[in-house]
Amino acid sequence: GSPNVNQAASLVGYNNFSHFAALFKKTYGVNPSNYVRD
């Protein structure tokens, strides 16, 4: 729960949020925003 999704993407080196979200969903089967909400 530390950063929001945009901050987490940036902290791990993704400048393109859409690319990060797509890879996250492909890897874990859930959108990062939905994961945070859950």
Full PDB file with SEQRES, HELIX, SHEET, SSBOND, CRYST1, ORIGX, SCALE, CONECT and MASTER records, all heavy atoms in Angstrom:
SEQRES   1 A   38  GLY SER PRO ASN VAL ASN GLN ALA ALA SER LEU VAL GLY          
SEQRES   2 A   38  TYR ASN ASN PHE SER HIS PHE ALA ALA LEU PHE LYS LYS          
SEQRES   3 A   38  THR TYR GLY VAL ASN PRO SER ASN TYR VAL ARG ASP              
HELIX    1 AA1 VAL A    5  LEU A   11  1                                   7    
HELIX    2 AA2 PHE A   17  TYR A   28  1                                  12    
HELIX    3 AA3 PRO A   32  ARG A   37  1                                   6    
CRYST1    1.000    1.000    1.000  90.00  90.00  90.00 P 1           1          
ORIGX1      1.000000  0.000000  0.000000        0.00000                         
ORIGX2      0.000000  1.000000  0.000000        0.00000                         
ORIGX3      0.000000  0.000000  1.000000        0.00000                         
SCALE1      1.000000  0.000000  0.000000        0.00000                         
SCALE2      0.000000  1.000000  0.000000        0.00000                         
SCALE3      0.000000  0.000000  1.000000        0.00000                         
ATOM      1  N   GLY A   1       0.775  -1.226   0.000  1.00  0.00           N  
ATOM      2  CA  GLY A   1       0.000   0.000   0.000  1.00  0.00           C  
ATOM      3  C   GLY A   1       0.808   1.279   0.000  1.00  0.00           C  
ATOM      4  O   GLY A   1       0.249   2.351   0.193  1.00  0.00           O  
ATOM      5  N   SER A   2       2.117   1.196  -0.195  1.00  0.00           N  
ATOM      6  CA  SER A   2       2.952   2.386  -0.146  1.00  0.00           C  
ATOM      7  C   SER A   2       2.605   3.386  -1.245  1.00  0.00           C  
ATOM      8  O   SER A   2       1.992   4.399  -0.986  1.00  0.00           O  
ATOM      9  CB  SER A   2       4.433   2.017  -0.237  1.00  0.00           C  
ATOM     10  OG  SER A   2       4.748   1.034   0.688  1.00  0.00           O  
ATOM     11  N   PRO A   3       2.988   3.117  -2.472  1.00  0.00           N  
ATOM     12  CA  PRO A   3       2.724   4.102  -3.528  1.00  0.00           C  
ATOM     13  C   PRO A   3       1.427   3.780  -4.261  1.00  0.00           C  
ATOM     14  O   PRO A   3       0.852   2.706  -4.097  1.00  0.00           O  
ATOM     15  CB  PRO A   3       3.904   3.898  -4.477  1.00  0.00           C  
ATOM     16  CG  PRO A   3       4.199   2.443  -4.377  1.00  0.00           C  
ATOM     17  CD  PRO A   3       3.875   2.060  -2.932  1.00  0.00           C  
ATOM     18  N   ASN A   4       0.985   4.737  -5.064  1.00  0.00           N  
ATOM     19  CA  ASN A   4      -0.130   4.416  -5.945  1.00  0.00           C  
ATOM     20  C   ASN A   4       0.437   3.674  -7.156  1.00  0.00           C  
ATOM     21  O   ASN A   4       1.654   3.477  -7.257  1.00  0.00           O  
ATOM     22  CB  ASN A   4      -0.925   5.668  -6.338  1.00  0.00           C  
ATOM     23  CG  ASN A   4      -0.106   6.652  -7.144  1.00  0.00           C  
ATOM     24  OD1 ASN A   4       0.705   6.281  -7.992  1.00  0.00           O  
ATOM     25  ND2 ASN A   4      -0.327   7.933  -6.890  1.00  0.00           N  
ATOM     26  N   VAL A   5      -0.400   3.273  -8.077  1.00  0.00           N  
ATOM     27  CA  VAL A   5       0.034   2.446  -9.206  1.00  0.00           C  
ATOM     28  C   VAL A   5       1.044   3.187 -10.077  1.00  0.00           C  
ATOM     29  O   VAL A   5       2.060   2.615 -10.471  1.00  0.00           O  
ATOM     30  CB  VAL A   5      -1.173   1.966 -10.036  1.00  0.00           C  
ATOM     31  CG1 VAL A   5      -0.715   1.167 -11.243  1.00  0.00           C  
ATOM     32  CG2 VAL A   5      -2.109   1.126  -9.176  1.00  0.00           C  
ATOM     33  N   ASN A   6       0.795   4.447 -10.362  1.00  0.00           N  
ATOM     34  CA  ASN A   6       1.742   5.220 -11.179  1.00  0.00           C  
ATOM     35  C   ASN A   6       3.104   5.324 -10.509  1.00  0.00           C  
ATOM     36  O   ASN A   6       4.141   5.199 -11.156  1.00  0.00           O  
ATOM     37  CB  ASN A   6       1.201   6.627 -11.465  1.00  0.00           C  
ATOM     38  CG  ASN A   6       0.081   6.624 -12.468  1.00  0.00           C  
ATOM     39  OD1 ASN A   6       0.053   5.795 -13.373  1.00  0.00           O  
ATOM     40  ND2 ASN A   6      -0.849   7.542 -12.311  1.00  0.00           N  
ATOM     41  N   GLN A   7       3.104   5.558  -9.216  1.00  0.00           N  
ATOM     42  CA  GLN A   7       4.368   5.657  -8.484  1.00  0.00           C  
ATOM     43  C   GLN A   7       5.099   4.316  -8.462  1.00  0.00           C  
ATOM     44  O   GLN A   7       6.319   4.270  -8.605  1.00  0.00           O  
ATOM     45  CB  GLN A   7       4.123   6.141  -7.060  1.00  0.00           C  
ATOM     46  CG  GLN A   7       3.667   7.575  -6.981  1.00  0.00           C  
ATOM     47  CD  GLN A   7       3.202   7.955  -5.592  1.00  0.00           C  
ATOM     48  OE1 GLN A   7       2.696   7.115  -4.844  1.00  0.00           O  
ATOM     49  NE2 GLN A   7       3.349   9.224  -5.251  1.00  0.00           N  
ATOM     50  N   ALA A   8       4.368   3.235  -8.268  1.00  0.00           N  
ATOM     51  CA  ALA A   8       4.990   1.905  -8.259  1.00  0.00           C  
ATOM     52  C   ALA A   8       5.622   1.613  -9.613  1.00  0.00           C  
ATOM     53  O   ALA A   8       6.750   1.120  -9.682  1.00  0.00           O  
ATOM     54  CB  ALA A   8       3.958   0.836  -7.907  1.00  0.00           C  
ATOM     55  N   ALA A   9       4.905   1.921 -10.691  1.00  0.00           N  
ATOM     56  CA  ALA A   9       5.448   1.711 -12.034  1.00  0.00           C  
ATOM     57  C   ALA A   9       6.739   2.498 -12.215  1.00  0.00           C  
ATOM     58  O   ALA A   9       7.731   1.978 -12.722  1.00  0.00           O  
ATOM     59  CB  ALA A   9       4.420   2.113 -13.092  1.00  0.00           C  
ATOM     60  N   SER A  10       6.729   3.732 -11.791  1.00  0.00           N  
ATOM     61  CA  SER A  10       7.907   4.583 -11.921  1.00  0.00           C  
ATOM     62  C   SER A  10       9.062   4.080 -11.054  1.00  0.00           C  
ATOM     63  O   SER A  10      10.213   4.054 -11.497  1.00  0.00           O  
ATOM     64  CB  SER A  10       7.548   6.014 -11.531  1.00  0.00           C  
ATOM     65  OG  SER A  10       8.648   6.854 -11.668  1.00  0.00           O  
ATOM     66  N   LEU A  11       8.757   3.661  -9.835  1.00  0.00           N  
ATOM     67  CA  LEU A  11       9.800   3.183  -8.921  1.00  0.00           C  
ATOM     68  C   LEU A  11      10.526   1.945  -9.436  1.00  0.00           C  
ATOM     69  O   LEU A  11      11.698   1.746  -9.137  1.00  0.00           O  
ATOM     70  CB  LEU A  11       9.210   2.888  -7.536  1.00  0.00           C  
ATOM     71  CG  LEU A  11       8.870   4.103  -6.688  1.00  0.00           C  
ATOM     72  CD1 LEU A  11       8.076   3.677  -5.458  1.00  0.00           C  
ATOM     73  CD2 LEU A  11      10.137   4.844  -6.276  1.00  0.00           C  
ATOM     74  N   VAL A  12       9.832   1.105 -10.192  1.00  0.00           N  
ATOM     75  CA  VAL A  12      10.464  -0.100 -10.711  1.00  0.00           C  
ATOM     76  C   VAL A  12      10.992   0.092 -12.129  1.00  0.00           C  
ATOM     77  O   VAL A  12      11.449  -0.861 -12.755  1.00  0.00           O  
ATOM     78  CB  VAL A  12       9.547  -1.342 -10.624  1.00  0.00           C  
ATOM     79  CG1 VAL A  12       9.217  -1.646  -9.172  1.00  0.00           C  
ATOM     80  CG2 VAL A  12       8.299  -1.181 -11.453  1.00  0.00           C  
ATOM     81  N   GLY A  13      10.914   1.333 -12.636  1.00  0.00           N  
ATOM     82  CA  GLY A  13      11.573   1.640 -13.894  1.00  0.00           C  
ATOM     83  C   GLY A  13      10.708   1.723 -15.131  1.00  0.00           C  
ATOM     84  O   GLY A  13      11.227   1.760 -16.243  1.00  0.00           O  
ATOM     85  N   TYR A  14       9.382   1.758 -14.972  1.00  0.00           N  
ATOM     86  CA  TYR A  14       8.501   1.880 -16.129  1.00  0.00           C  
ATOM     87  C   TYR A  14       8.051   3.332 -16.264  1.00  0.00           C  
ATOM     88  O   TYR A  14       7.383   3.859 -15.381  1.00  0.00           O  
ATOM     89  CB  TYR A  14       7.283   0.965 -16.000  1.00  0.00           C  
ATOM     90  CG  TYR A  14       7.618  -0.480 -16.215  1.00  0.00           C  
ATOM     91  CD1 TYR A  14       7.872  -1.322 -15.144  1.00  0.00           C  
ATOM     92  CD2 TYR A  14       7.697  -1.013 -17.497  1.00  0.00           C  
ATOM     93  CE1 TYR A  14       8.202  -2.657 -15.345  1.00  0.00           C  
ATOM     94  CE2 TYR A  14       8.029  -2.341 -17.704  1.00  0.00           C  
ATOM     95  CZ  TYR A  14       8.272  -3.152 -16.621  1.00  0.00           C  
ATOM     96  OH  TYR A  14       8.609  -4.467 -16.815  1.00  0.00           O  
ATOM     97  N   ASN A  15       8.404   3.964 -17.372  1.00  0.00           N  
ATOM     98  CA  ASN A  15       7.990   5.340 -17.636  1.00  0.00           C  
ATOM     99  C   ASN A  15       6.633   5.377 -18.328  1.00  0.00           C  
ATOM    100  O   ASN A  15       5.935   6.375 -18.257  1.00  0.00           O  
ATOM    101  CB  ASN A  15       9.019   6.059 -18.507  1.00  0.00           C  
ATOM    102  CG  ASN A  15      10.347   6.183 -17.791  1.00  0.00           C  
ATOM    103  OD1 ASN A  15      10.389   6.403 -16.588  1.00  0.00           O  
ATOM    104  ND2 ASN A  15      11.428   6.031 -18.532  1.00  0.00           N  
ATOM    105  N   ASN A  16       6.269   4.289 -18.983  1.00  0.00           N  
ATOM    106  CA  ASN A  16       5.008   4.213 -19.704  1.00  0.00           C  
ATOM    107  C   ASN A  16       4.035   3.378 -18.870  1.00  0.00           C  
ATOM    108  O   ASN A  16       4.153   2.150 -18.787  1.00  0.00           O  
ATOM    109  CB  ASN A  16       5.239   3.578 -21.078  1.00  0.00           C  
ATOM    110  CG  ASN A  16       4.000   3.530 -21.924  1.00  0.00           C  
ATOM    111  OD1 ASN A  16       2.894   3.365 -21.433  1.00  0.00           O  
ATOM    112  ND2 ASN A  16       4.199   3.650 -23.230  1.00  0.00           N  
ATOM    113  N   PHE A  17       3.058   4.069 -18.267  1.00  0.00           N  
ATOM    114  CA  PHE A  17       2.116   3.380 -17.389  1.00  0.00           C  
ATOM    115  C   PHE A  17       1.315   2.318 -18.128  1.00  0.00           C  
ATOM    116  O   PHE A  17       1.061   1.242 -17.588  1.00  0.00           O  
ATOM    117  CB  PHE A  17       1.171   4.384 -16.724  1.00  0.00           C  
ATOM    118  CG  PHE A  17       0.091   3.709 -15.936  1.00  0.00           C  
ATOM    119  CD1 PHE A  17       0.379   3.118 -14.719  1.00  0.00           C  
ATOM    120  CD2 PHE A  17      -1.203   3.643 -16.413  1.00  0.00           C  
ATOM    121  CE1 PHE A  17      -0.611   2.475 -13.987  1.00  0.00           C  
ATOM    122  CE2 PHE A  17      -2.195   3.003 -15.697  1.00  0.00           C  
ATOM    123  CZ  PHE A  17      -1.903   2.417 -14.483  1.00  0.00           C  
ATOM    124  N   SER A  18       0.906   2.599 -19.353  1.00  0.00           N  
ATOM    125  CA  SER A  18       0.109   1.632 -20.119  1.00  0.00           C  
ATOM    126  C   SER A  18       0.885   0.346 -20.355  1.00  0.00           C  
ATOM    127  O   SER A  18       0.333  -0.756 -20.258  1.00  0.00           O  
ATOM    128  CB  SER A  18      -0.314   2.227 -21.457  1.00  0.00           C  
ATOM    129  OG  SER A  18      -1.144   3.332 -21.255  1.00  0.00           O  
ATOM    130  N   HIS A  19       2.165   0.479 -20.659  1.00  0.00           N  
ATOM    131  CA  HIS A  19       3.019  -0.690 -20.872  1.00  0.00           C  
ATOM    132  C   HIS A  19       3.139  -1.488 -19.565  1.00  0.00           C  
ATOM    133  O   HIS A  19       3.014  -2.720 -19.561  1.00  0.00           O  
ATOM    134  CB  HIS A  19       4.391  -0.246 -21.375  1.00  0.00           C  
ATOM    135  CG  HIS A  19       5.321  -1.361 -21.688  1.00  0.00           C  
ATOM    136  ND1 HIS A  19       5.108  -2.239 -22.731  1.00  0.00           N  
ATOM    137  CD2 HIS A  19       6.468  -1.756 -21.092  1.00  0.00           C  
ATOM    138  CE1 HIS A  19       6.084  -3.123 -22.756  1.00  0.00           C  
ATOM    139  NE2 HIS A  19       6.919  -2.855 -21.767  1.00  0.00           N  
ATOM    140  N   PHE A  20       3.357  -0.782 -18.467  1.00  0.00           N  
ATOM    141  CA  PHE A  20       3.453  -1.435 -17.164  1.00  0.00           C  
ATOM    142  C   PHE A  20       2.154  -2.185 -16.836  1.00  0.00           C  
ATOM    143  O   PHE A  20       2.183  -3.352 -16.443  1.00  0.00           O  
ATOM    144  CB  PHE A  20       3.745  -0.403 -16.067  1.00  0.00           C  
ATOM    145  CG  PHE A  20       3.548  -0.945 -14.675  1.00  0.00           C  
ATOM    146  CD1 PHE A  20       4.477  -1.798 -14.119  1.00  0.00           C  
ATOM    147  CD2 PHE A  20       2.429  -0.602 -13.935  1.00  0.00           C  
ATOM    148  CE1 PHE A  20       4.295  -2.315 -12.839  1.00  0.00           C  
ATOM    149  CE2 PHE A  20       2.233  -1.100 -12.662  1.00  0.00           C  
ATOM    150  CZ  PHE A  20       3.168  -1.962 -12.110  1.00  0.00           C  
ATOM    151  N   ALA A  21       1.022  -1.517 -17.020  1.00  0.00           N  
ATOM    152  CA  ALA A  21      -0.272  -2.127 -16.695  1.00  0.00           C  
ATOM    153  C   ALA A  21      -0.524  -3.371 -17.545  1.00  0.00           C  
ATOM    154  O   ALA A  21      -1.020  -4.388 -17.040  1.00  0.00           O  
ATOM    155  CB  ALA A  21      -1.396  -1.116 -16.880  1.00  0.00           C  
ATOM    156  N   ALA A  22      -0.174  -3.305 -18.815  1.00  0.00           N  
ATOM    157  CA  ALA A  22      -0.365  -4.451 -19.705  1.00  0.00           C  
ATOM    158  C   ALA A  22       0.507  -5.631 -19.278  1.00  0.00           C  
ATOM    159  O   ALA A  22       0.043  -6.783 -19.244  1.00  0.00           O  
ATOM    160  CB  ALA A  22      -0.070  -4.061 -21.146  1.00  0.00           C  
ATOM    161  N   LEU A  23       1.767  -5.370 -18.953  1.00  0.00           N  
ATOM    162  CA  LEU A  23       2.658  -6.447 -18.507  1.00  0.00           C  
ATOM    163  C   LEU A  23       2.213  -7.023 -17.165  1.00  0.00           C  
ATOM    164  O   LEU A  23       2.279  -8.236 -16.939  1.00  0.00           O  
ATOM    165  CB  LEU A  23       4.097  -5.939 -18.397  1.00  0.00           C  
ATOM    166  CG  LEU A  23       4.825  -5.712 -19.708  1.00  0.00           C  
ATOM    167  CD1 LEU A  23       6.181  -5.051 -19.459  1.00  0.00           C  
ATOM    168  CD2 LEU A  23       5.009  -7.014 -20.453  1.00  0.00           C  
ATOM    169  N   PHE A  24       1.785  -6.152 -16.272  1.00  0.00           N  
ATOM    170  CA  PHE A  24       1.314  -6.595 -14.960  1.00  0.00           C  
ATOM    171  C   PHE A  24       0.117  -7.529 -15.124  1.00  0.00           C  
ATOM    172  O   PHE A  24       0.074  -8.601 -14.538  1.00  0.00           O  
ATOM    173  CB  PHE A  24       0.935  -5.373 -14.107  1.00  0.00           C  
ATOM    174  CG  PHE A  24       0.704  -5.674 -12.657  1.00  0.00           C  
ATOM    175  CD1 PHE A  24       1.719  -5.527 -11.744  1.00  0.00           C  
ATOM    176  CD2 PHE A  24      -0.544  -6.089 -12.189  1.00  0.00           C  
ATOM    177  CE1 PHE A  24       1.518  -5.786 -10.387  1.00  0.00           C  
ATOM    178  CE2 PHE A  24      -0.764  -6.356 -10.858  1.00  0.00           C  
ATOM    179  CZ  PHE A  24       0.271  -6.198  -9.948  1.00  0.00           C  
ATOM    180  N   LYS A  25      -0.845  -7.113 -15.954  1.00  0.00           N  
ATOM    181  CA  LYS A  25      -2.032  -7.936 -16.175  1.00  0.00           C  
ATOM    182  C   LYS A  25      -1.682  -9.249 -16.867  1.00  0.00           C  
ATOM    183  O   LYS A  25      -2.204 -10.309 -16.513  1.00  0.00           O  
ATOM    184  CB  LYS A  25      -3.069  -7.184 -16.997  1.00  0.00           C  
ATOM    185  CG  LYS A  25      -4.350  -7.965 -17.143  1.00  0.00           C  
ATOM    186  CD  LYS A  25      -5.456  -7.168 -17.736  1.00  0.00           C  
ATOM    187  CE  LYS A  25      -6.710  -8.020 -17.763  1.00  0.00           C  
ATOM    188  NZ  LYS A  25      -7.864  -7.263 -18.170  1.00  0.00           N  
ATOM    189  N   LYS A  26      -0.775  -9.192 -17.836  1.00  0.00           N  
ATOM    190  CA  LYS A  26      -0.360 -10.413 -18.538  1.00  0.00           C  
ATOM    191  C   LYS A  26       0.319 -11.381 -17.571  1.00  0.00           C  
ATOM    192  O   LYS A  26       0.118 -12.593 -17.636  1.00  0.00           O  
ATOM    193  CB  LYS A  26       0.589 -10.052 -19.678  1.00  0.00           C  
ATOM    194  CG  LYS A  26       1.053 -11.238 -20.479  1.00  0.00           C  
ATOM    195  CD  LYS A  26       1.967 -10.801 -21.602  1.00  0.00           C  
ATOM    196  CE  LYS A  26       2.472 -12.011 -22.376  1.00  0.00           C  
ATOM    197  NZ  LYS A  26       3.400 -11.628 -23.437  1.00  0.00           N  
ATOM    198  N   THR A  27       1.113 -10.856 -16.654  1.00  0.00           N  
ATOM    199  CA  THR A  27       1.868 -11.687 -15.719  1.00  0.00           C  
ATOM    200  C   THR A  27       0.997 -12.224 -14.591  1.00  0.00           C  
ATOM    201  O   THR A  27       1.078 -13.407 -14.248  1.00  0.00           O  
ATOM    202  CB  THR A  27       3.040 -10.887 -15.121  1.00  0.00           C  
ATOM    203  OG1 THR A  27       3.868 -10.418 -16.187  1.00  0.00           O  
ATOM    204  CG2 THR A  27       3.873 -11.730 -14.181  1.00  0.00           C  
ATOM    205  N   TYR A  28       0.173 -11.362 -13.996  1.00  0.00           N  
ATOM    206  CA  TYR A  28      -0.570 -11.737 -12.795  1.00  0.00           C  
ATOM    207  C   TYR A  28      -2.060 -11.956 -13.022  1.00  0.00           C  
ATOM    208  O   TYR A  28      -2.775 -12.365 -12.101  1.00  0.00           O  
ATOM    209  CB  TYR A  28      -0.362 -10.687 -11.704  1.00  0.00           C  
ATOM    210  CG  TYR A  28       1.081 -10.592 -11.272  1.00  0.00           C  
ATOM    211  CD1 TYR A  28       1.835  -9.454 -11.511  1.00  0.00           C  
ATOM    212  CD2 TYR A  28       1.707 -11.657 -10.637  1.00  0.00           C  
ATOM    213  CE1 TYR A  28       3.151  -9.370 -11.131  1.00  0.00           C  
ATOM    214  CE2 TYR A  28       3.026 -11.590 -10.244  1.00  0.00           C  
ATOM    215  CZ  TYR A  28       3.746 -10.441 -10.496  1.00  0.00           C  
ATOM    216  OH  TYR A  28       5.057 -10.363 -10.117  1.00  0.00           O  
ATOM    217  N   GLY A  29      -2.555 -11.636 -14.221  1.00  0.00           N  
ATOM    218  CA  GLY A  29      -3.954 -11.875 -14.527  1.00  0.00           C  
ATOM    219  C   GLY A  29      -4.915 -10.869 -13.943  1.00  0.00           C  
ATOM    220  O   GLY A  29      -6.122 -11.101 -13.919  1.00  0.00           O  
ATOM    221  N   VAL A  30      -4.391  -9.767 -13.441  1.00  0.00           N  
ATOM    222  CA  VAL A  30      -5.239  -8.735 -12.858  1.00  0.00           C  
ATOM    223  C   VAL A  30      -4.636  -7.374 -13.176  1.00  0.00           C  
ATOM    224  O   VAL A  30      -3.418  -7.211 -13.183  1.00  0.00           O  
ATOM    225  CB  VAL A  30      -5.394  -8.930 -11.331  1.00  0.00           C  
ATOM    226  CG1 VAL A  30      -4.080  -8.807 -10.604  1.00  0.00           C  
ATOM    227  CG2 VAL A  30      -6.407  -7.985 -10.749  1.00  0.00           C  
ATOM    228  N   ASN A  31      -5.503  -6.415 -13.433  1.00  0.00           N  
ATOM    229  CA  ASN A  31      -5.051  -5.053 -13.671  1.00  0.00           C  
ATOM    230  C   ASN A  31      -4.472  -4.498 -12.368  1.00  0.00           C  
ATOM    231  O   ASN A  31      -5.033  -4.742 -11.296  1.00  0.00           O  
ATOM    232  CB  ASN A  31      -6.262  -4.226 -14.132  1.00  0.00           C  
ATOM    233  CG  ASN A  31      -5.898  -2.842 -14.538  1.00  0.00           C  
ATOM    234  OD1 ASN A  31      -5.414  -2.062 -13.733  1.00  0.00           O  
ATOM    235  ND2 ASN A  31      -6.144  -2.537 -15.793  1.00  0.00           N  
ATOM    236  N   PRO A  32      -3.354  -3.758 -12.411  1.00  0.00           N  
ATOM    237  CA  PRO A  32      -2.748  -3.273 -11.159  1.00  0.00           C  
ATOM    238  C   PRO A  32      -3.690  -2.399 -10.333  1.00  0.00           C  
ATOM    239  O   PRO A  32      -3.683  -2.473  -9.103  1.00  0.00           O  
ATOM    240  CB  PRO A  32      -1.507  -2.504 -11.609  1.00  0.00           C  
ATOM    241  CG  PRO A  32      -1.658  -2.289 -13.058  1.00  0.00           C  
ATOM    242  CD  PRO A  32      -2.567  -3.340 -13.576  1.00  0.00           C  
ATOM    243  N   SER A  33      -4.507  -1.593 -10.978  1.00  0.00           N  
ATOM    244  CA  SER A  33      -5.463  -0.753 -10.231  1.00  0.00           C  
ATOM    245  C   SER A  33      -6.488  -1.617  -9.507  1.00  0.00           C  
ATOM    246  O   SER A  33      -6.853  -1.334  -8.358  1.00  0.00           O  
ATOM    247  CB  SER A  33      -6.167   0.211 -11.174  1.00  0.00           C  
ATOM    248  OG  SER A  33      -5.231   1.073 -11.777  1.00  0.00           O  
ATOM    249  N   ASN A  34      -6.963  -2.662 -10.165  1.00  0.00           N  
ATOM    250  CA  ASN A  34      -7.906  -3.584  -9.523  1.00  0.00           C  
ATOM    251  C   ASN A  34      -7.242  -4.326  -8.375  1.00  0.00           C  
ATOM    252  O   ASN A  34      -7.868  -4.582  -7.347  1.00  0.00           O  
ATOM    253  CB  ASN A  34      -8.471  -4.576 -10.529  1.00  0.00           C  
ATOM    254  CG  ASN A  34      -9.358  -3.921 -11.555  1.00  0.00           C  
ATOM    255  OD1 ASN A  34      -9.798  -2.789 -11.380  1.00  0.00           O  
ATOM    256  ND2 ASN A  34      -9.606  -4.615 -12.649  1.00  0.00           N  
ATOM    257  N   TYR A  35      -5.984  -4.678  -8.548  1.00  0.00           N  
ATOM    258  CA  TYR A  35      -5.255  -5.370  -7.481  1.00  0.00           C  
ATOM    259  C   TYR A  35      -5.164  -4.484  -6.246  1.00  0.00           C  
ATOM    260  O   TYR A  35      -5.421  -4.938  -5.132  1.00  0.00           O  
ATOM    261  CB  TYR A  35      -3.860  -5.779  -7.960  1.00  0.00           C  
ATOM    262  CG  TYR A  35      -3.053  -6.414  -6.867  1.00  0.00           C  
ATOM    263  CD1 TYR A  35      -3.382  -7.665  -6.372  1.00  0.00           C  
ATOM    264  CD2 TYR A  35      -1.971  -5.747  -6.291  1.00  0.00           C  
ATOM    265  CE1 TYR A  35      -2.660  -8.248  -5.346  1.00  0.00           C  
ATOM    266  CE2 TYR A  35      -1.248  -6.323  -5.263  1.00  0.00           C  
ATOM    267  CZ  TYR A  35      -1.593  -7.573  -4.794  1.00  0.00           C  
ATOM    268  OH  TYR A  35      -0.895  -8.139  -3.775  1.00  0.00           O  
ATOM    269  N   VAL A  36      -4.826  -3.223  -6.449  1.00  0.00           N  
ATOM    270  CA  VAL A  36      -4.728  -2.298  -5.327  1.00  0.00           C  
ATOM    271  C   VAL A  36      -6.075  -2.167  -4.621  1.00  0.00           C  
ATOM    272  O   VAL A  36      -6.149  -2.190  -3.397  1.00  0.00           O  
ATOM    273  CB  VAL A  36      -4.221  -0.911  -5.796  1.00  0.00           C  
ATOM    274  CG1 VAL A  36      -4.373   0.131  -4.710  1.00  0.00           C  
ATOM    275  CG2 VAL A  36      -2.782  -1.005  -6.243  1.00  0.00           C  
ATOM    276  N   ARG A  37      -7.147  -2.047  -5.400  1.00  0.00           N  
ATOM    277  CA  ARG A  37      -8.479  -1.928  -4.833  1.00  0.00           C  
ATOM    278  C   ARG A  37      -8.841  -3.183  -4.033  1.00  0.00           C  
ATOM    279  O   ARG A  37      -9.382  -3.095  -2.935  1.00  0.00           O  
ATOM    280  CB  ARG A  37      -9.499  -1.677  -5.941  1.00  0.00           C  
ATOM    281  CG  ARG A  37     -10.884  -1.355  -5.403  1.00  0.00           C  
ATOM    282  CD  ARG A  37     -11.904  -1.104  -6.488  1.00  0.00           C  
ATOM    283  NE  ARG A  37     -12.038  -2.282  -7.329  1.00  0.00           N  
ATOM    284  CZ  ARG A  37     -11.912  -2.281  -8.661  1.00  0.00           C  
ATOM    285  NH1 ARG A  37     -11.652  -1.165  -9.311  1.00  0.00           N  
ATOM    286  NH2 ARG A  37     -12.038  -3.395  -9.356  1.00  0.00           N  
ATOM    287  N   ASP A  38      -8.512  -4.358  -4.573  1.00  0.00           N  
ATOM    288  CA  ASP A  38      -8.820  -5.619  -3.887  1.00  0.00           C  
ATOM    289  C   ASP A  38      -8.011  -5.785  -2.615  1.00  0.00           C  
ATOM    290  O   ASP A  38      -8.513  -6.273  -1.616  1.00  0.00           O  
ATOM    291  CB  ASP A  38      -8.594  -6.813  -4.814  1.00  0.00           C  
ATOM    292  CG  ASP A  38      -9.577  -6.849  -5.967  1.00  0.00           C  
ATOM    293  OD1 ASP A  38     -10.615  -6.135  -5.899  1.00  0.00           O  
ATOM    294  OD2 ASP A  38      -9.311  -7.575  -6.940  1.00  0.00           O  
TER     295      ASP A  38                                                      
MASTER        0    0    0    3    0    0    0    6  294    1    0    3          
END                                                                             
